[in-house]
Amino acid sequence: MKEVKRPWGLFREFVLNKKCTVKILELHPYQRLSLQLHKKREENWFFLTPGIVQIKNKKFKVKENQLIKVKKNTPHRVIAKKNKVKFLEISIGKFEEKDEIRLEDDYGRVKNRK
């Protein structure tokens, strides 16, 4: 992320001239995403509200306006405690839902891989 100051304030440039998919995700209180990884894309998360991130086996708190980069093949998830969590997700690389490899899931969506 590049931050550029202007007389009127600033702008944050997340991606410039790259193929990407951009989403805003909202997690309800006490919910969490699947522990997952992607082989074909990396993700950049810009938090609009505080939350908890898990990268591999490490969990840590994130603040509003914090940027987290997730490399390909890295297990990751976002966790909400008592408050809703909102974040901007920028996926860089080939975006396919079938590239979402779930390792753990609270909703029974882990498929057996052979």
PDB file of N, CA and C in Angstrom:
ATOM      1  N   MET A   1       0.852  -1.173   0.000  1.00  0.00           N
ATOM      2  CA  MET A   1       0.000   0.000   0.000  1.00  0.00           C
ATOM      3  C   MET A   1       0.894   1.232   0.000  1.00  0.00           C
ATOM      4  N   LYS A   2       0.519   2.169  -0.819  1.00  0.00           N
ATOM      5  CA  LYS A   2       1.245   3.436  -0.896  1.00  0.00           C
ATOM      6  C   LYS A   2       0.313   4.535  -0.398  1.00  0.00           C
ATOM      7  N   GLU A   3       0.810   5.347   0.531  1.00  0.00           N
ATOM      8  CA  GLU A   3       0.022   6.461   1.057  1.00  0.00           C
ATOM      9  C   GLU A   3       0.602   7.757   0.506  1.00  0.00           C
ATOM     10  N   VAL A   4      -0.253   8.566  -0.105  1.00  0.00           N
ATOM     11  CA  VAL A   4       0.181   9.822  -0.719  1.00  0.00           C
ATOM     12  C   VAL A   4      -0.585  10.972  -0.081  1.00  0.00           C
ATOM     13  N   LYS A   5       0.151  11.909   0.473  1.00  0.00           N
ATOM     14  CA  LYS A   5      -0.476  13.080   1.106  1.00  0.00           C
ATOM     15  C   LYS A   5      -0.726  14.160   0.052  1.00  0.00           C
ATOM     16  N   ARG A   6      -1.838  14.827   0.212  1.00  0.00           N
ATOM     17  CA  ARG A   6      -2.235  15.938  -0.650  1.00  0.00           C
ATOM     18  C   ARG A   6      -2.646  17.096   0.251  1.00  0.00           C
ATOM     19  N   PRO A   7      -2.781  18.307  -0.293  1.00  0.00           N
ATOM     20  CA  PRO A   7      -3.196  19.442   0.534  1.00  0.00           C
ATOM     21  C   PRO A   7      -4.564  19.228   1.188  1.00  0.00           C
ATOM     22  N   TRP A   8      -5.425  18.446   0.519  1.00  0.00           N
ATOM     23  CA  TRP A   8      -6.775  18.211   1.016  1.00  0.00           C
ATOM     24  C   TRP A   8      -6.864  17.007   1.944  1.00  0.00           C
ATOM     25  N   GLY A   9      -5.779  16.238   2.085  1.00  0.00           N
ATOM     26  CA  GLY A   9      -5.795  15.027   2.916  1.00  0.00           C
ATOM     27  C   GLY A   9      -4.801  14.011   2.384  1.00  0.00           C
ATOM     28  N   LEU A  10      -5.285  12.796   2.064  1.00  0.00           N
ATOM     29  CA  LEU A  10      -4.410  11.754   1.526  1.00  0.00           C
ATOM     30  C   LEU A  10      -5.222  10.722   0.774  1.00  0.00           C
ATOM     31  N   PHE A  11      -4.519   9.893  -0.010  1.00  0.00           N
ATOM     32  CA  PHE A  11      -5.153   8.711  -0.578  1.00  0.00           C
ATOM     33  C   PHE A  11      -4.240   7.523  -0.368  1.00  0.00           C
ATOM     34  N   ARG A  12      -4.867   6.350  -0.315  1.00  0.00           N
ATOM     35  CA  ARG A  12      -4.125   5.099  -0.165  1.00  0.00           C
ATOM     36  C   ARG A  12      -4.309   4.294  -1.441  1.00  0.00           C
ATOM     37  N   GLU A  13      -3.208   4.015  -2.098  1.00  0.00           N
ATOM     38  CA  GLU A  13      -3.232   3.241  -3.335  1.00  0.00           C
ATOM     39  C   GLU A  13      -2.879   1.798  -2.989  1.00  0.00           C
ATOM     40  N   PHE A  14      -3.829   0.908  -3.191  1.00  0.00           N
ATOM     41  CA  PHE A  14      -3.624  -0.490  -2.837  1.00  0.00           C
ATOM     42  C   PHE A  14      -3.052  -1.290  -4.002  1.00  0.00           C
ATOM     43  N   VAL A  15      -3.536  -1.048  -5.202  1.00  0.00           N
ATOM     44  CA  VAL A  15      -3.118  -1.797  -6.381  1.00  0.00           C
ATOM     45  C   VAL A  15      -3.039  -0.829  -7.548  1.00  0.00           C
ATOM     46  N   LEU A  16      -2.002  -0.973  -8.363  1.00  0.00           N
ATOM     47  CA  LEU A  16      -1.857  -0.137  -9.554  1.00  0.00           C
ATOM     48  C   LEU A  16      -1.592  -1.043 -10.747  1.00  0.00           C
ATOM     49  N   ASN A  17      -2.506  -1.040 -11.684  1.00  0.00           N
ATOM     50  CA  ASN A  17      -2.341  -1.749 -12.953  1.00  0.00           C
ATOM     51  C   ASN A  17      -2.065  -3.241 -12.808  1.00  0.00           C
ATOM     52  N   LYS A  18      -2.705  -3.896 -11.854  1.00  0.00           N
ATOM     53  CA  LYS A  18      -2.600  -5.345 -11.699  1.00  0.00           C
ATOM     54  C   LYS A  18      -3.990  -5.948 -11.798  1.00  0.00           C
ATOM     55  N   LYS A  19      -4.042  -7.173 -12.304  1.00  0.00           N
ATOM     56  CA  LYS A  19      -5.307  -7.893 -12.329  1.00  0.00           C
ATOM     57  C   LYS A  19      -5.640  -8.307 -10.899  1.00  0.00           C
ATOM     58  N   CYS A  20      -6.824  -7.911 -10.437  1.00  0.00           N
ATOM     59  CA  CYS A  20      -7.180  -8.214  -9.053  1.00  0.00           C
ATOM     60  C   CYS A  20      -8.696  -8.310  -8.896  1.00  0.00           C
ATOM     61  N   THR A  21      -9.102  -8.843  -7.748  1.00  0.00           N
ATOM     62  CA  THR A  21     -10.502  -8.881  -7.348  1.00  0.00           C
ATOM     63  C   THR A  21     -10.599  -8.155  -6.012  1.00  0.00           C
ATOM     64  N   VAL A  22     -11.569  -7.250  -5.892  1.00  0.00           N
ATOM     65  CA  VAL A  22     -11.703  -6.433  -4.685  1.00  0.00           C
ATOM     66  C   VAL A  22     -13.073  -6.693  -4.059  1.00  0.00           C
ATOM     67  N   LYS A  23     -13.074  -6.957  -2.749  1.00  0.00           N
ATOM     68  CA  LYS A  23     -14.319  -7.201  -2.010  1.00  0.00           C
ATOM     69  C   LYS A  23     -14.261  -6.465  -0.679  1.00  0.00           C
ATOM     70  N   ILE A  24     -15.418  -6.165  -0.123  1.00  0.00           N
ATOM     71  CA  ILE A  24     -15.511  -5.770   1.282  1.00  0.00           C
ATOM     72  C   ILE A  24     -16.247  -6.905   1.982  1.00  0.00           C
ATOM     73  N   LEU A  25     -15.605  -7.476   2.993  1.00  0.00           N
ATOM     74  CA  LEU A  25     -16.189  -8.578   3.748  1.00  0.00           C
ATOM     75  C   LEU A  25     -16.652  -8.075   5.106  1.00  0.00           C
ATOM     76  N   GLU A  26     -17.777  -8.613   5.583  1.00  0.00           N
ATOM     77  CA  GLU A  26     -18.302  -8.307   6.914  1.00  0.00           C
ATOM     78  C   GLU A  26     -18.552  -9.621   7.639  1.00  0.00           C
ATOM     79  N   LEU A  27     -17.946  -9.770   8.786  1.00  0.00           N
ATOM     80  CA  LEU A  27     -18.169 -10.948   9.625  1.00  0.00           C
ATOM     81  C   LEU A  27     -19.082 -10.556  10.772  1.00  0.00           C
ATOM     82  N   HIS A  28     -20.121 -11.359  10.993  1.00  0.00           N
ATOM     83  CA  HIS A  28     -21.004 -11.145  12.131  1.00  0.00           C
ATOM     84  C   HIS A  28     -20.235 -11.410  13.426  1.00  0.00           C
ATOM     85  N   PRO A  29     -20.687 -10.829  14.544  1.00  0.00           N
ATOM     86  CA  PRO A  29     -20.035 -11.108  15.831  1.00  0.00           C
ATOM     87  C   PRO A  29     -19.948 -12.614  16.103  1.00  0.00           C
ATOM     88  N   TYR A  30     -18.831 -13.014  16.688  1.00  0.00           N
ATOM     89  CA  TYR A  30     -18.560 -14.394  17.087  1.00  0.00           C
ATOM     90  C   TYR A  30     -18.549 -15.377  15.915  1.00  0.00           C
ATOM     91  N   GLN A  31     -18.199 -14.896  14.730  1.00  0.00           N
ATOM     92  CA  GLN A  31     -18.049 -15.758  13.559  1.00  0.00           C
ATOM     93  C   GLN A  31     -16.599 -15.683  13.084  1.00  0.00           C
ATOM     94  N   ARG A  32     -16.218 -16.633  12.239  1.00  0.00           N
ATOM     95  CA  ARG A  32     -14.877 -16.602  11.666  1.00  0.00           C
ATOM     96  C   ARG A  32     -14.898 -17.249  10.291  1.00  0.00           C
ATOM     97  N   LEU A  33     -13.967 -16.819   9.461  1.00  0.00           N
ATOM     98  CA  LEU A  33     -13.810 -17.421   8.148  1.00  0.00           C
ATOM     99  C   LEU A  33     -13.185 -18.804   8.304  1.00  0.00           C
ATOM    100  N   SER A  34     -13.261 -19.590   7.248  1.00  0.00           N
ATOM    101  CA  SER A  34     -12.555 -20.869   7.222  1.00  0.00           C
ATOM    102  C   SER A  34     -11.064 -20.616   7.346  1.00  0.00           C
ATOM    103  N   LEU A  35     -10.353 -21.545   7.969  1.00  0.00           N
ATOM    104  CA  LEU A  35      -8.896 -21.537   7.872  1.00  0.00           C
ATOM    105  C   LEU A  35      -8.621 -22.099   6.481  1.00  0.00           C
ATOM    106  N   GLN A  36      -8.025 -21.301   5.623  1.00  0.00           N
ATOM    107  CA  GLN A  36      -7.911 -21.646   4.211  1.00  0.00           C
ATOM    108  C   GLN A  36      -6.590 -21.163   3.639  1.00  0.00           C
ATOM    109  N   LEU A  37      -6.294 -21.641   2.428  1.00  0.00           N
ATOM    110  CA  LEU A  37      -5.143 -21.138   1.685  1.00  0.00           C
ATOM    111  C   LEU A  37      -5.502 -21.126   0.212  1.00  0.00           C
ATOM    112  N   HIS A  38      -4.684 -20.427  -0.563  1.00  0.00           N
ATOM    113  CA  HIS A  38      -4.883 -20.306  -2.008  1.00  0.00           C
ATOM    114  C   HIS A  38      -3.554 -20.553  -2.703  1.00  0.00           C
ATOM    115  N   LYS A  39      -3.583 -21.330  -3.775  1.00  0.00           N
ATOM    116  CA  LYS A  39      -2.361 -21.625  -4.530  1.00  0.00           C
ATOM    117  C   LYS A  39      -2.104 -20.607  -5.631  1.00  0.00           C
ATOM    118  N   LYS A  40      -3.152 -19.917  -6.099  1.00  0.00           N
ATOM    119  CA  LYS A  40      -3.013 -19.054  -7.273  1.00  0.00           C
ATOM    120  C   LYS A  40      -3.113 -17.565  -6.984  1.00  0.00           C
ATOM    121  N   ARG A  41      -3.315 -17.191  -5.734  1.00  0.00           N
ATOM    122  CA  ARG A  41      -3.451 -15.760  -5.449  1.00  0.00           C
ATOM    123  C   ARG A  41      -2.949 -15.426  -4.052  1.00  0.00           C
ATOM    124  N   GLU A  42      -2.557 -14.156  -3.900  1.00  0.00           N
ATOM    125  CA  GLU A  42      -2.256 -13.619  -2.578  1.00  0.00           C
ATOM    126  C   GLU A  42      -3.366 -12.638  -2.240  1.00  0.00           C
ATOM    127  N   GLU A  43      -3.481 -12.312  -0.967  1.00  0.00           N
ATOM    128  CA  GLU A  43      -4.528 -11.387  -0.537  1.00  0.00           C
ATOM    129  C   GLU A  43      -3.935 -10.276   0.313  1.00  0.00           C
ATOM    130  N   ASN A  44      -4.497  -9.097   0.158  1.00  0.00           N
ATOM    131  CA  ASN A  44      -4.172  -7.947   0.998  1.00  0.00           C
ATOM    132  C   ASN A  44      -5.466  -7.538   1.682  1.00  0.00           C
ATOM    133  N   TRP A  45      -5.411  -7.448   2.999  1.00  0.00           N
ATOM    134  CA  TRP A  45      -6.585  -7.068   3.780  1.00  0.00           C
ATOM    135  C   TRP A  45      -6.345  -5.712   4.410  1.00  0.00           C
ATOM    136  N   PHE A  46      -7.277  -4.790   4.192  1.00  0.00           N
ATOM    137  CA  PHE A  46      -7.236  -3.474   4.827  1.00  0.00           C
ATOM    138  C   PHE A  46      -8.438  -3.407   5.759  1.00  0.00           C
ATOM    139  N   PHE A  47      -8.175  -3.334   7.063  1.00  0.00           N
ATOM    140  CA  PHE A  47      -9.241  -3.426   8.051  1.00  0.00           C
ATOM    141  C   PHE A  47      -9.949  -2.094   8.243  1.00  0.00           C
ATOM    142  N   LEU A  48     -11.284  -2.140   8.115  1.00  0.00           N
ATOM    143  CA  LEU A  48     -12.140  -0.977   8.322  1.00  0.00           C
ATOM    144  C   LEU A  48     -12.599  -0.902   9.774  1.00  0.00           C
ATOM    145  N   THR A  49     -12.552  -2.033  10.463  1.00  0.00           N
ATOM    146  CA  THR A  49     -12.835  -2.118  11.899  1.00  0.00           C
ATOM    147  C   THR A  49     -11.798  -3.069  12.509  1.00  0.00           C
ATOM    148  N   PRO A  50     -11.597  -3.022  13.818  1.00  0.00           N
ATOM    149  CA  PRO A  50     -10.648  -3.950  14.448  1.00  0.00           C
ATOM    150  C   PRO A  50     -11.132  -5.401  14.350  1.00  0.00           C
ATOM    151  N   GLY A  51     -10.200  -6.337  14.453  1.00  0.00           N
ATOM    152  CA  GLY A  51     -10.542  -7.751  14.415  1.00  0.00           C
ATOM    153  C   GLY A  51      -9.368  -8.597  14.865  1.00  0.00           C
ATOM    154  N   ILE A  52      -9.460  -9.883  14.583  1.00  0.00           N
ATOM    155  CA  ILE A  52      -8.389 -10.827  14.892  1.00  0.00           C
ATOM    156  C   ILE A  52      -8.052 -11.573  13.613  1.00  0.00           C
ATOM    157  N   VAL A  53      -6.759 -11.758  13.367  1.00  0.00           N
ATOM    158  CA  VAL A  53      -6.276 -12.468  12.190  1.00  0.00           C
ATOM    159  C   VAL A  53      -5.519 -13.701  12.655  1.00  0.00           C
ATOM    160  N   GLN A  54      -5.703 -14.785  11.927  1.00  0.00           N
ATOM    161  CA  GLN A  54      -4.879 -15.972  12.139  1.00  0.00           C
ATOM    162  C   GLN A  54      -4.088 -16.211  10.864  1.00  0.00           C
ATOM    163  N   ILE A  55      -2.756 -16.251  10.977  1.00  0.00           N
ATOM    164  CA  ILE A  55      -1.855 -16.609   9.887  1.00  0.00           C
ATOM    165  C   ILE A  55      -1.093 -17.841  10.371  1.00  0.00           C
ATOM    166  N   LYS A  56      -1.224 -18.943   9.644  1.00  0.00           N
ATOM    167  CA  LYS A  56      -0.705 -20.245  10.088  1.00  0.00           C
ATOM    168  C   LYS A  56      -1.306 -20.532  11.461  1.00  0.00           C
ATOM    169  N   ASN A  57      -0.488 -20.734  12.489  1.00  0.00           N
ATOM    170  CA  ASN A  57      -1.020 -21.032  13.832  1.00  0.00           C
ATOM    171  C   ASN A  57      -0.989 -19.834  14.767  1.00  0.00           C
ATOM    172  N   LYS A  58      -0.621 -18.661  14.252  1.00  0.00           N
ATOM    173  CA  LYS A  58      -0.488 -17.472  15.099  1.00  0.00           C
ATOM    174  C   LYS A  58      -1.718 -16.568  14.951  1.00  0.00           C
ATOM    175  N   LYS A  59      -2.312 -16.177  16.088  1.00  0.00           N
ATOM    176  CA  LYS A  59      -3.449 -15.245  16.099  1.00  0.00           C
ATOM    177  C   LYS A  59      -2.990 -13.928  16.699  1.00  0.00           C
ATOM    178  N   PHE A  60      -3.457 -12.815  16.110  1.00  0.00           N
ATOM    179  CA  PHE A  60      -3.111 -11.497  16.632  1.00  0.00           C
ATOM    180  C   PHE A  60      -4.213 -10.502  16.308  1.00  0.00           C
ATOM    181  N   LYS A  61      -4.295  -9.465  17.145  1.00  0.00           N
ATOM    182  CA  LYS A  61      -5.290  -8.408  16.957  1.00  0.00           C
ATOM    183  C   LYS A  61      -4.820  -7.454  15.869  1.00  0.00           C
ATOM    184  N   VAL A  62      -5.790  -6.948  15.090  1.00  0.00           N
ATOM    185  CA  VAL A  62      -5.506  -5.918  14.097  1.00  0.00           C
ATOM    186  C   VAL A  62      -6.373  -4.707  14.396  1.00  0.00           C
ATOM    187  N   LYS A  63      -5.856  -3.550  14.036  1.00  0.00           N
ATOM    188  CA  LYS A  63      -6.542  -2.285  14.283  1.00  0.00           C
ATOM    189  C   LYS A  63      -7.209  -1.783  13.010  1.00  0.00           C
ATOM    190  N   GLU A  64      -8.114  -0.847  13.184  1.00  0.00           N
ATOM    191  CA  GLU A  64      -8.698  -0.134  12.055  1.00  0.00           C
ATOM    192  C   GLU A  64      -7.567   0.509  11.258  1.00  0.00           C
ATOM    193  N   ASN A  65      -7.653   0.469   9.934  1.00  0.00           N
ATOM    194  CA  ASN A  65      -6.671   1.022   8.992  1.00  0.00           C
ATOM    195  C   ASN A  65      -5.370   0.227   8.925  1.00  0.00           C
ATOM    196  N   GLN A  66      -5.345  -0.985   9.473  1.00  0.00           N
ATOM    197  CA  GLN A  66      -4.145  -1.822   9.390  1.00  0.00           C
ATOM    198  C   GLN A  66      -4.212  -2.684   8.132  1.00  0.00           C
ATOM    199  N   LEU A  67      -3.064  -2.866   7.481  1.00  0.00           N
ATOM    200  CA  LEU A  67      -2.957  -3.680   6.272  1.00  0.00           C
ATOM    201  C   LEU A  67      -2.240  -4.981   6.608  1.00  0.00           C
ATOM    202  N   ILE A  68      -2.819  -6.099   6.182  1.00  0.00           N
ATOM    203  CA  ILE A  68      -2.225  -7.423   6.363  1.00  0.00           C
ATOM    204  C   ILE A  68      -2.051  -8.040   4.980  1.00  0.00           C
ATOM    205  N   LYS A  69      -0.857  -8.576   4.706  1.00  0.00           N
ATOM    206  CA  LYS A  69      -0.587  -9.255   3.436  1.00  0.00           C
ATOM    207  C   LYS A  69      -0.511 -10.749   3.687  1.00  0.00           C
ATOM    208  N   VAL A  70      -1.220 -11.514   2.859  1.00  0.00           N
ATOM    209  CA  VAL A  70      -1.233 -12.969   2.975  1.00  0.00           C
ATOM    210  C   VAL A  70      -0.663 -13.544   1.682  1.00  0.00           C
ATOM    211  N   LYS A  71       0.441 -14.247   1.786  1.00  0.00           N
ATOM    212  CA  LYS A  71       1.105 -14.847   0.620  1.00  0.00           C
ATOM    213  C   LYS A  71       0.379 -16.119   0.180  1.00  0.00           C
ATOM    214  N   LYS A  72       0.618 -16.531  -1.064  1.00  0.00           N
ATOM    215  CA  LYS A  72       0.073 -17.793  -1.572  1.00  0.00           C
ATOM    216  C   LYS A  72       0.494 -18.939  -0.657  1.00  0.00           C
ATOM    217  N   ASN A  73      -0.339 -19.956  -0.591  1.00  0.00           N
ATOM    218  CA  ASN A  73      -0.066 -21.187   0.167  1.00  0.00           C
ATOM    219  C   ASN A  73       0.094 -20.974   1.670  1.00  0.00           C
ATOM    220  N   THR A  74      -0.454 -19.876   2.202  1.00  0.00           N
ATOM    221  CA  THR A  74      -0.354 -19.588   3.636  1.00  0.00           C
ATOM    222  C   THR A  74      -1.731 -19.736   4.284  1.00  0.00           C
ATOM    223  N   PRO A  75      -1.894 -20.645   5.245  1.00  0.00           N
ATOM    224  CA  PRO A  75      -3.181 -20.761   5.936  1.00  0.00           C
ATOM    225  C   PRO A  75      -3.529 -19.452   6.659  1.00  0.00           C
ATOM    226  N   HIS A  76      -4.785 -19.024   6.520  1.00  0.00           N
ATOM    227  CA  HIS A  76      -5.200 -17.734   7.072  1.00  0.00           C
ATOM    228  C   HIS A  76      -6.700 -17.706   7.324  1.00  0.00           C
ATOM    229  N   ARG A  77      -7.106 -16.786   8.207  1.00  0.00           N
ATOM    230  CA  ARG A  77      -8.526 -16.513   8.444  1.00  0.00           C
ATOM    231  C   ARG A  77      -8.666 -15.225   9.243  1.00  0.00           C
ATOM    232  N   VAL A  78      -9.887 -14.674   9.244  1.00  0.00           N
ATOM    233  CA  VAL A  78     -10.240 -13.511  10.055  1.00  0.00           C
ATOM    234  C   VAL A  78     -11.300 -13.971  11.055  1.00  0.00           C
ATOM    235  N   ILE A  79     -11.204 -13.432  12.273  1.00  0.00           N
ATOM    236  CA  ILE A  79     -12.083 -13.840  13.373  1.00  0.00           C
ATOM    237  C   ILE A  79     -12.741 -12.598  13.977  1.00  0.00           C
ATOM    238  N   ALA A  80     -14.050 -12.688  14.231  1.00  0.00           N
ATOM    239  CA  ALA A  80     -14.773 -11.608  14.915  1.00  0.00           C
ATOM    240  C   ALA A  80     -15.098 -12.072  16.328  1.00  0.00           C
ATOM    241  N   LYS A  81     -14.927 -11.198  17.284  1.00  0.00           N
ATOM    242  CA  LYS A  81     -15.346 -11.486  18.662  1.00  0.00           C
ATOM    243  C   LYS A  81     -16.714 -10.839  18.879  1.00  0.00           C
ATOM    244  N   LYS A  82     -16.849  -9.932  19.845  1.00  0.00           N
ATOM    245  CA  LYS A  82     -18.181  -9.399  20.168  1.00  0.00           C
ATOM    246  C   LYS A  82     -18.684  -8.360  19.173  1.00  0.00           C
ATOM    247  N   ASN A  83     -17.806  -7.823  18.322  1.00  0.00           N
ATOM    248  CA  ASN A  83     -18.222  -6.828  17.332  1.00  0.00           C
ATOM    249  C   ASN A  83     -18.048  -7.352  15.912  1.00  0.00           C
ATOM    250  N   LYS A  84     -18.854  -6.815  15.010  1.00  0.00           N
ATOM    251  CA  LYS A  84     -18.734  -7.132  13.594  1.00  0.00           C
ATOM    252  C   LYS A  84     -17.360  -6.673  13.098  1.00  0.00           C
ATOM    253  N   VAL A  85     -16.772  -7.410  12.151  1.00  0.00           N
ATOM    254  CA  VAL A  85     -15.487  -7.039  11.553  1.00  0.00           C
ATOM    255  C   VAL A  85     -15.707  -6.776  10.067  1.00  0.00           C
ATOM    256  N   LYS A  86     -15.227  -5.622   9.602  1.00  0.00           N
ATOM    257  CA  LYS A  86     -15.304  -5.256   8.180  1.00  0.00           C
ATOM    258  C   LYS A  86     -13.894  -5.021   7.660  1.00  0.00           C
ATOM    259  N   PHE A  87     -13.617  -5.571   6.471  1.00  0.00           N
ATOM    260  CA  PHE A  87     -12.315  -5.329   5.856  1.00  0.00           C
ATOM    261  C   PHE A  87     -12.409  -5.403   4.341  1.00  0.00           C
ATOM    262  N   LEU A  88     -11.519  -4.678   3.709  1.00  0.00           N
ATOM    263  CA  LEU A  88     -11.374  -4.665   2.261  1.00  0.00           C
ATOM    264  C   LEU A  88     -10.397  -5.770   1.904  1.00  0.00           C
ATOM    265  N   GLU A  89     -10.770  -6.636   0.975  1.00  0.00           N
ATOM    266  CA  GLU A  89      -9.892  -7.720   0.537  1.00  0.00           C
ATOM    267  C   GLU A  89      -9.527  -7.487  -0.923  1.00  0.00           C
ATOM    268  N   ILE A  90      -8.235  -7.439  -1.204  1.00  0.00           N
ATOM    269  CA  ILE A  90      -7.744  -7.300  -2.571  1.00  0.00           C
ATOM    270  C   ILE A  90      -6.979  -8.574  -2.900  1.00  0.00           C
ATOM    271  N   SER A  91      -7.536  -9.379  -3.802  1.00  0.00           N
ATOM    272  CA  SER A  91      -6.902 -10.633  -4.218  1.00  0.00           C
ATOM    273  C   SER A  91      -6.134 -10.374  -5.502  1.00  0.00           C
ATOM    274  N   ILE A  92      -4.840 -10.699  -5.492  1.00  0.00           N
ATOM    275  CA  ILE A  92      -3.984 -10.474  -6.652  1.00  0.00           C
ATOM    276  C   ILE A  92      -3.533 -11.826  -7.175  1.00  0.00           C
ATOM    277  N   GLY A  93      -3.775 -12.048  -8.458  1.00  0.00           N
ATOM    278  CA  GLY A  93      -3.488 -13.333  -9.087  1.00  0.00           C
ATOM    279  C   GLY A  93      -4.777 -13.871  -9.673  1.00  0.00           C
ATOM    280  N   LYS A  94      -4.775 -15.134 -10.040  1.00  0.00           N
ATOM    281  CA  LYS A  94      -5.955 -15.738 -10.649  1.00  0.00           C
ATOM    282  C   LYS A  94      -6.985 -16.043  -9.567  1.00  0.00           C
ATOM    283  N   PHE A  95      -8.144 -15.403  -9.667  1.00  0.00           N
ATOM    284  CA  PHE A  95      -9.190 -15.583  -8.660  1.00  0.00           C
ATOM    285  C   PHE A  95     -10.160 -16.649  -9.138  1.00  0.00           C
ATOM    286  N   GLU A  96     -10.218 -17.754  -8.403  1.00  0.00           N
ATOM    287  CA  GLU A  96     -11.185 -18.823  -8.655  1.00  0.00           C
ATOM    288  C   GLU A  96     -11.665 -19.315  -7.297  1.00  0.00           C
ATOM    289  N   GLU A  97     -12.964 -19.498  -7.157  1.00  0.00           N
ATOM    290  CA  GLU A  97     -13.479 -20.019  -5.887  1.00  0.00           C
ATOM    291  C   GLU A  97     -12.925 -21.415  -5.605  1.00  0.00           C
ATOM    292  N   LYS A  98     -12.654 -22.210  -6.661  1.00  0.00           N
ATOM    293  CA  LYS A  98     -12.125 -23.560  -6.429  1.00  0.00           C
ATOM    294  C   LYS A  98     -10.681 -23.532  -5.924  1.00  0.00           C
ATOM    295  N   ASP A  99     -10.031 -22.369  -5.949  1.00  0.00           N
ATOM    296  CA  ASP A  99      -8.685 -22.222  -5.396  1.00  0.00           C
ATOM    297  C   ASP A  99      -8.739 -22.011  -3.879  1.00  0.00           C
ATOM    298  N   GLU A 100      -9.922 -21.990  -3.322  1.00  0.00           N
ATOM    299  CA  GLU A 100     -10.093 -21.835  -1.874  1.00  0.00           C
ATOM    300  C   GLU A 100     -10.002 -23.221  -1.236  1.00  0.00           C
ATOM    301  N   ILE A 101      -8.872 -23.504  -0.609  1.00  0.00           N
ATOM    302  CA  ILE A 101      -8.648 -24.803   0.017  1.00  0.00           C
ATOM    303  C   ILE A 101      -8.905 -24.648   1.513  1.00  0.00           C
ATOM    304  N   ARG A 102     -10.040 -25.195   1.962  1.00  0.00           N
ATOM    305  CA  ARG A 102     -10.419 -25.068   3.371  1.00  0.00           C
ATOM    306  C   ARG A 102      -9.739 -26.153   4.196  1.00  0.00           C
ATOM    307  N   LEU A 103      -9.076 -25.725   5.255  1.00  0.00           N
ATOM    308  CA  LEU A 103      -8.408 -26.649   6.171  1.00  0.00           C
ATOM    309  C   LEU A 103      -9.265 -26.912   7.406  1.00  0.00           C
ATOM    310  N   GLU A 104      -9.980 -25.873   7.862  1.00  0.00           N
ATOM    311  CA  GLU A 104     -10.928 -25.965   8.981  1.00  0.00           C
ATOM    312  C   GLU A 104     -12.110 -25.074   8.638  1.00  0.00           C
ATOM    313  N   ASP A 105     -13.314 -25.498   9.052  1.00  0.00           N
ATOM    314  CA  ASP A 105     -14.497 -24.701   8.742  1.00  0.00           C
ATOM    315  C   ASP A 105     -15.588 -24.984   9.769  1.00  0.00           C
ATOM    316  N   ASP A 106     -16.153 -23.930  10.326  1.00  0.00           N
ATOM    317  CA  ASP A 106     -17.204 -24.061  11.339  1.00  0.00           C
ATOM    318  C   ASP A 106     -18.552 -24.471  10.749  1.00  0.00           C
ATOM    319  N   TYR A 107     -18.671 -24.479   9.426  1.00  0.00           N
ATOM    320  CA  TYR A 107     -19.954 -24.712   8.769  1.00  0.00           C
ATOM    321  C   TYR A 107     -19.971 -26.018   7.974  1.00  0.00           C
ATOM    322  N   GLY A 108     -18.982 -26.897   8.210  1.00  0.00           N
ATOM    323  CA  GLY A 108     -18.967 -28.213   7.571  1.00  0.00           C
ATOM    324  C   GLY A 108     -18.619 -28.203   6.097  1.00  0.00           C
ATOM    325  N   ARG A 109     -17.834 -27.235   5.639  1.00  0.00           N
ATOM    326  CA  ARG A 109     -17.522 -27.139   4.212  1.00  0.00           C
ATOM    327  C   ARG A 109     -16.128 -27.643   3.841  1.00  0.00           C
ATOM    328  N   VAL A 110     -15.444 -28.353   4.729  1.00  0.00           N
ATOM    329  CA  VAL A 110     -14.135 -28.919   4.391  1.00  0.00           C
ATOM    330  C   VAL A 110     -14.379 -30.190   3.595  1.00  0.00           C
ATOM    331  N   LYS A 111     -13.755 -30.259   2.412  1.00  0.00           N
ATOM    332  CA  LYS A 111     -13.885 -31.447   1.567  1.00  0.00           C
ATOM    333  C   LYS A 111     -12.639 -32.299   1.728  1.00  0.00           C
ATOM    334  N   ASN A 112     -12.828 -33.608   1.688  1.00  0.00           N
ATOM    335  CA  ASN A 112     -11.673 -34.509   1.744  1.00  0.00           C
ATOM    336  C   ASN A 112     -10.891 -34.389   0.447  1.00  0.00           C
ATOM    337  N   ARG A 113      -9.586 -34.176   0.600  1.00  0.00           N
ATOM    338  CA  ARG A 113      -8.719 -34.070  -0.582  1.00  0.00           C
ATOM    339  C   ARG A 113      -7.914 -35.352  -0.694  1.00  0.00           C
ATOM    340  N   LYS A 114      -7.811 -35.863  -1.919  1.00  0.00           N
ATOM    341  CA  LYS A 114      -7.030 -37.095  -2.135  1.00  0.00           C
ATOM    342  C   LYS A 114      -5.846 -36.806  -3.009  1.00  0.00           C
TER     343      LYS A 114
END
